[in-house]
């Protein structure tokens, strides 16, 4: 009889401590589109509007290992002094995080989570402006890491209270 080699791949008694992240849900929490000067605002097709975009990220814990991340985007387009349109979107995601080290929690929630949500929010804004009679507003990619660093420096290096704001 031959002896079987001992299996050394078994996990030691106890829990698996590998960090795990999952997206439980993504959803539109709030959406608003205003075209206050229609139909006149739609007749400026040749002129390029001035567009101001503001982005905010908010985070709140909803359970022991679950966090809601809100990506709020507001865009206002103006032709001279007249508002052409305004779109506001709060797009949210519910993230499950298990065994994530405390020092990695804030960067994940304020940088990586909004980075994952952004393409979906971008499409919603483009569709909304197109459906409002304007060319689709295609937002440039946002560097959430730079916004995170900028906000942290503005707060003197202190931990953020779950909010990152910036202009894109």
C-alpha atoms as a PDB file:
ATOM      1  CA  UNK A   1       0.000   0.000   0.000  1.00  0.00           C
ATOM      2  CA  UNK A   2       1.236   3.428  -0.828  1.00  0.00           C
ATOM      3  CA  UNK A   3       0.731   6.384   1.413  1.00  0.00           C
ATOM      4  CA  UNK A   4      -1.178   9.407   0.133  1.00  0.00           C
ATOM      5  CA  UNK A   5       0.687  12.707   0.420  1.00  0.00           C
ATOM      6  CA  UNK A   6      -0.750  15.072   2.939  1.00  0.00           C
ATOM      7  CA  UNK A   7      -3.011  17.797   1.444  1.00  0.00           C
ATOM      8  CA  UNK A   8      -1.498  21.159   2.434  1.00  0.00           C
ATOM      9  CA  UNK A   9      -4.019  23.313   0.536  1.00  0.00           C
ATOM     10  CA  UNK A  10      -6.621  23.238   3.268  1.00  0.00           C
ATOM     11  CA  UNK A  11      -7.389  26.583   4.814  1.00  0.00           C
ATOM     12  CA  UNK A  12      -6.438  26.815   8.434  1.00  0.00           C
ATOM     13  CA  UNK A  13      -9.309  26.605  10.844  1.00  0.00           C
ATOM     14  CA  UNK A  14     -11.094  29.942  10.863  1.00  0.00           C
ATOM     15  CA  UNK A  15     -12.593  32.411   8.459  1.00  0.00           C
ATOM     16  CA  UNK A  16     -11.338  33.472   5.082  1.00  0.00           C
ATOM     17  CA  UNK A  17      -9.902  36.980   5.503  1.00  0.00           C
ATOM     18  CA  UNK A  18      -9.538  37.782   1.818  1.00  0.00           C
ATOM     19  CA  UNK A  19     -10.996  41.230   1.036  1.00  0.00           C
ATOM     20  CA  UNK A  20     -14.197  40.912  -0.984  1.00  0.00           C
ATOM     21  CA  UNK A  21     -16.203  43.598  -2.778  1.00  0.00           C
ATOM     22  CA  UNK A  22     -19.514  43.206  -4.548  1.00  0.00           C
ATOM     23  CA  UNK A  23     -22.048  45.488  -6.184  1.00  0.00           C
ATOM     24  CA  UNK A  24     -25.446  44.552  -4.798  1.00  0.00           C
ATOM     25  CA  UNK A  25     -27.490  47.102  -6.784  1.00  0.00           C
ATOM     26  CA  UNK A  26     -27.257  50.214  -8.960  1.00  0.00           C
ATOM     27  CA  UNK A  27     -30.145  52.640  -9.335  1.00  0.00           C
ATOM     28  CA  UNK A  28     -31.328  56.121 -10.204  1.00  0.00           C
ATOM     29  CA  UNK A  29     -32.187  57.774  -6.919  1.00  0.00           C
ATOM     30  CA  UNK A  30     -33.167  61.151  -8.372  1.00  0.00           C
ATOM     31  CA  UNK A  31     -33.317  62.560 -11.900  1.00  0.00           C
ATOM     32  CA  UNK A  32     -34.418  65.997 -13.050  1.00  0.00           C
ATOM     33  CA  UNK A  33     -34.265  67.670 -16.449  1.00  0.00           C
ATOM     34  CA  UNK A  34     -35.351  71.248 -17.005  1.00  0.00           C
ATOM     35  CA  UNK A  35     -35.727  73.021 -20.331  1.00  0.00           C
ATOM     36  CA  UNK A  36     -37.143  76.317 -18.991  1.00  0.00           C
ATOM     37  CA  UNK A  37     -36.852  78.386 -22.172  1.00  0.00           C
ATOM     38  CA  UNK A  38     -38.174  75.920 -24.733  1.00  0.00           C
ATOM     39  CA  UNK A  39     -38.808  76.228 -27.592  1.00  0.00           C
ATOM     40  CA  UNK A  40     -36.457  79.238 -27.939  1.00  0.00           C
ATOM     41  CA  UNK A  41     -33.575  77.341 -26.297  1.00  0.00           C
ATOM     42  CA  UNK A  42     -33.840  74.660 -28.976  1.00  0.00           C
ATOM     43  CA  UNK A  43     -33.385  77.191 -31.802  1.00  0.00           C
ATOM     44  CA  UNK A  44     -29.752  77.968 -30.867  1.00  0.00           C
ATOM     45  CA  UNK A  45     -28.539  74.807 -32.567  1.00  0.00           C
ATOM     46  CA  UNK A  46     -25.490  76.485 -34.157  1.00  0.00           C
ATOM     47  CA  UNK A  47     -24.208  78.183 -31.005  1.00  0.00           C
ATOM     48  CA  UNK A  48     -22.160  76.231 -28.480  1.00  0.00           C
ATOM     49  CA  UNK A  49     -23.573  76.596 -24.969  1.00  0.00           C
ATOM     50  CA  UNK A  50     -21.367  77.166 -21.931  1.00  0.00           C
ATOM     51  CA  UNK A  51     -21.734  74.077 -19.746  1.00  0.00           C
ATOM     52  CA  UNK A  52     -20.937  73.906 -16.039  1.00  0.00           C
ATOM     53  CA  UNK A  53     -20.704  70.459 -14.465  1.00  0.00           C
ATOM     54  CA  UNK A  54     -20.552  69.745 -10.734  1.00  0.00           C
ATOM     55  CA  UNK A  55     -19.883  66.318  -9.254  1.00  0.00           C
ATOM     56  CA  UNK A  56     -20.318  65.165  -5.655  1.00  0.00           C
ATOM     57  CA  UNK A  57     -19.812  61.764  -4.078  1.00  0.00           C
ATOM     58  CA  UNK A  58     -21.575  60.809  -0.866  1.00  0.00           C
ATOM     59  CA  UNK A  59     -21.271  57.631   1.178  1.00  0.00           C
ATOM     60  CA  UNK A  60     -23.325  56.184   3.984  1.00  0.00           C
ATOM     61  CA  UNK A  61     -23.199  52.874   5.789  1.00  0.00           C
ATOM     62  CA  UNK A  62     -26.488  50.970   5.498  1.00  0.00           C
ATOM     63  CA  UNK A  63     -25.448  47.738   7.271  1.00  0.00           C
ATOM     64  CA  UNK A  64     -22.352  46.209   8.872  1.00  0.00           C
ATOM     65  CA  UNK A  65     -20.782  45.323   5.540  1.00  0.00           C
ATOM     66  CA  UNK A  66     -22.883  47.401   3.106  1.00  0.00           C
ATOM     67  CA  UNK A  67     -22.445  50.978   1.925  1.00  0.00           C
ATOM     68  CA  UNK A  68     -24.505  53.189  -0.349  1.00  0.00           C
ATOM     69  CA  UNK A  69     -22.454  55.415  -2.650  1.00  0.00           C
ATOM     70  CA  UNK A  70     -24.253  58.373  -4.251  1.00  0.00           C
ATOM     71  CA  UNK A  71     -22.823  59.959  -7.386  1.00  0.00           C
ATOM     72  CA  UNK A  72     -24.515  63.338  -7.873  1.00  0.00           C
ATOM     73  CA  UNK A  73     -23.962  65.107 -11.189  1.00  0.00           C
ATOM     74  CA  UNK A  74     -25.438  68.475 -12.081  1.00  0.00           C
ATOM     75  CA  UNK A  75     -24.953  70.103 -15.492  1.00  0.00           C
ATOM     76  CA  UNK A  76     -26.210  73.530 -16.514  1.00  0.00           C
ATOM     77  CA  UNK A  77     -25.979  74.743 -20.112  1.00  0.00           C
ATOM     78  CA  UNK A  78     -26.318  78.438 -20.934  1.00  0.00           C
ATOM     79  CA  UNK A  79     -26.546  80.417 -24.160  1.00  0.00           C
ATOM     80  CA  UNK A  80     -25.238  83.814 -23.109  1.00  0.00           C
ATOM     81  CA  UNK A  81     -27.236  84.628 -19.942  1.00  0.00           C
ATOM     82  CA  UNK A  82     -30.177  82.355 -20.736  1.00  0.00           C
ATOM     83  CA  UNK A  83     -30.364  78.823 -19.330  1.00  0.00           C
ATOM     84  CA  UNK A  84     -30.698  76.260 -22.112  1.00  0.00           C
ATOM     85  CA  UNK A  85     -31.088  73.230 -19.853  1.00  0.00           C
ATOM     86  CA  UNK A  86     -30.278  71.848 -16.442  1.00  0.00           C
ATOM     87  CA  UNK A  87     -29.933  68.177 -15.601  1.00  0.00           C
ATOM     88  CA  UNK A  88     -29.441  66.722 -12.127  1.00  0.00           C
ATOM     89  CA  UNK A  89     -28.813  63.056 -11.476  1.00  0.00           C
ATOM     90  CA  UNK A  90     -28.209  61.125  -8.291  1.00  0.00           C
ATOM     91  CA  UNK A  91     -27.063  57.674  -9.328  1.00  0.00           C
ATOM     92  CA  UNK A  92     -26.370  55.274  -6.484  1.00  0.00           C
ATOM     93  CA  UNK A  93     -24.830  51.915  -5.881  1.00  0.00           C
ATOM     94  CA  UNK A  94     -25.071  49.523  -2.980  1.00  0.00           C
ATOM     95  CA  UNK A  95     -21.708  47.902  -2.269  1.00  0.00           C
ATOM     96  CA  UNK A  96     -20.947  44.930  -0.031  1.00  0.00           C
ATOM     97  CA  UNK A  97     -17.470  45.016   1.474  1.00  0.00           C
ATOM     98  CA  UNK A  98     -16.072  42.192   3.541  1.00  0.00           C
ATOM     99  CA  UNK A  99     -12.635  42.028   5.173  1.00  0.00           C
ATOM    100  CA  UNK A 100     -11.577  45.335   3.621  1.00  0.00           C
ATOM    101  CA  UNK A 101      -8.884  46.976   5.777  1.00  0.00           C
ATOM    102  CA  UNK A 102      -9.988  50.225   7.435  1.00  0.00           C
ATOM    103  CA  UNK A 103      -7.322  52.238   5.601  1.00  0.00           C
ATOM    104  CA  UNK A 104      -8.615  50.995   2.224  1.00  0.00           C
ATOM    105  CA  UNK A 105     -12.295  51.605   2.968  1.00  0.00           C
ATOM    106  CA  UNK A 106     -12.414  55.352   2.334  1.00  0.00           C
ATOM    107  CA  UNK A 107     -10.355  55.268  -0.905  1.00  0.00           C
ATOM    108  CA  UNK A 108     -12.514  52.459  -2.245  1.00  0.00           C
ATOM    109  CA  UNK A 109     -15.816  54.141  -1.408  1.00  0.00           C
ATOM    110  CA  UNK A 110     -14.806  57.615  -2.607  1.00  0.00           C
ATOM    111  CA  UNK A 111     -12.665  56.682  -5.622  1.00  0.00           C
ATOM    112  CA  UNK A 112     -13.268  53.170  -6.967  1.00  0.00           C
ATOM    113  CA  UNK A 113     -17.016  52.900  -6.303  1.00  0.00           C
ATOM    114  CA  UNK A 114     -17.889  56.178  -8.094  1.00  0.00           C
ATOM    115  CA  UNK A 115     -15.510  55.215 -10.907  1.00  0.00           C
ATOM    116  CA  UNK A 116     -17.590  52.054 -11.393  1.00  0.00           C
ATOM    117  CA  UNK A 117     -20.875  53.997 -11.300  1.00  0.00           C
ATOM    118  CA  UNK A 118     -19.801  56.828 -13.607  1.00  0.00           C
ATOM    119  CA  UNK A 119     -20.245  55.153 -17.033  1.00  0.00           C
ATOM    120  CA  UNK A 120     -23.879  54.366 -16.203  1.00  0.00           C
ATOM    121  CA  UNK A 121     -24.547  57.893 -14.937  1.00  0.00           C
ATOM    122  CA  UNK A 122     -22.850  59.331 -18.033  1.00  0.00           C
ATOM    123  CA  UNK A 123     -25.168  57.388 -20.311  1.00  0.00           C
ATOM    124  CA  UNK A 124     -28.260  58.495 -18.383  1.00  0.00           C
ATOM    125  CA  UNK A 125     -27.234  62.161 -18.680  1.00  0.00           C
ATOM    126  CA  UNK A 126     -26.520  61.784 -22.405  1.00  0.00           C
ATOM    127  CA  UNK A 127     -29.906  60.130 -22.986  1.00  0.00           C
ATOM    128  CA  UNK A 128     -31.712  62.723 -20.887  1.00  0.00           C
ATOM    129  CA  UNK A 129     -30.247  65.725 -22.736  1.00  0.00           C
ATOM    130  CA  UNK A 130     -30.875  64.049 -26.101  1.00  0.00           C
ATOM    131  CA  UNK A 131     -34.475  63.293 -25.133  1.00  0.00           C
ATOM    132  CA  UNK A 132     -34.807  66.956 -24.080  1.00  0.00           C
ATOM    133  CA  UNK A 133     -34.101  68.055 -27.655  1.00  0.00           C
ATOM    134  CA  UNK A 134     -30.391  68.853 -27.324  1.00  0.00           C
ATOM    135  CA  UNK A 135     -27.306  67.026 -28.557  1.00  0.00           C
ATOM    136  CA  UNK A 136     -26.329  64.359 -26.014  1.00  0.00           C
ATOM    137  CA  UNK A 137     -24.097  65.713 -23.256  1.00  0.00           C
ATOM    138  CA  UNK A 138     -21.151  63.318 -23.186  1.00  0.00           C
ATOM    139  CA  UNK A 139     -19.275  63.980 -19.961  1.00  0.00           C
ATOM    140  CA  UNK A 140     -15.522  63.592 -19.969  1.00  0.00           C
ATOM    141  CA  UNK A 141     -14.129  60.897 -17.673  1.00  0.00           C
ATOM    142  CA  UNK A 142     -13.671  62.084 -14.101  1.00  0.00           C
ATOM    143  CA  UNK A 143     -10.505  61.471 -12.117  1.00  0.00           C
ATOM    144  CA  UNK A 144     -12.057  60.561  -8.770  1.00  0.00           C
ATOM    145  CA  UNK A 145      -8.621  59.873  -7.285  1.00  0.00           C
ATOM    146  CA  UNK A 146      -7.536  63.467  -7.970  1.00  0.00           C
ATOM    147  CA  UNK A 147     -10.792  64.776  -6.474  1.00  0.00           C
ATOM    148  CA  UNK A 148     -10.214  62.594  -3.408  1.00  0.00           C
ATOM    149  CA  UNK A 149      -6.674  63.913  -2.923  1.00  0.00           C
ATOM    150  CA  UNK A 150      -7.802  67.504  -3.518  1.00  0.00           C
ATOM    151  CA  UNK A 151     -10.606  67.203  -0.951  1.00  0.00           C
ATOM    152  CA  UNK A 152      -8.306  65.531   1.563  1.00  0.00           C
ATOM    153  CA  UNK A 153      -5.761  68.344   1.201  1.00  0.00           C
ATOM    154  CA  UNK A 154      -8.546  70.914   1.636  1.00  0.00           C
ATOM    155  CA  UNK A 155      -9.496  69.155   4.893  1.00  0.00           C
ATOM    156  CA  UNK A 156      -5.910  69.217   6.149  1.00  0.00           C
ATOM    157  CA  UNK A 157      -5.322  65.513   5.524  1.00  0.00           C
ATOM    158  CA  UNK A 158      -8.163  64.466   7.796  1.00  0.00           C
ATOM    159  CA  UNK A 159     -10.460  61.603   6.924  1.00  0.00           C
ATOM    160  CA  UNK A 160     -13.355  62.723   4.801  1.00  0.00           C
ATOM    161  CA  UNK A 161     -16.842  62.550   6.186  1.00  0.00           C
ATOM    162  CA  UNK A 162     -18.138  60.601   3.216  1.00  0.00           C
ATOM    163  CA  UNK A 163     -18.294  63.459   0.736  1.00  0.00           C
ATOM    164  CA  UNK A 164     -16.057  64.396  -2.172  1.00  0.00           C
ATOM    165  CA  UNK A 165     -16.999  67.357  -4.327  1.00  0.00           C
ATOM    166  CA  UNK A 166     -15.511  68.777  -7.472  1.00  0.00           C
ATOM    167  CA  UNK A 167     -16.051  70.544 -10.746  1.00  0.00           C
ATOM    168  CA  UNK A 168     -15.517  68.645 -13.921  1.00  0.00           C
END
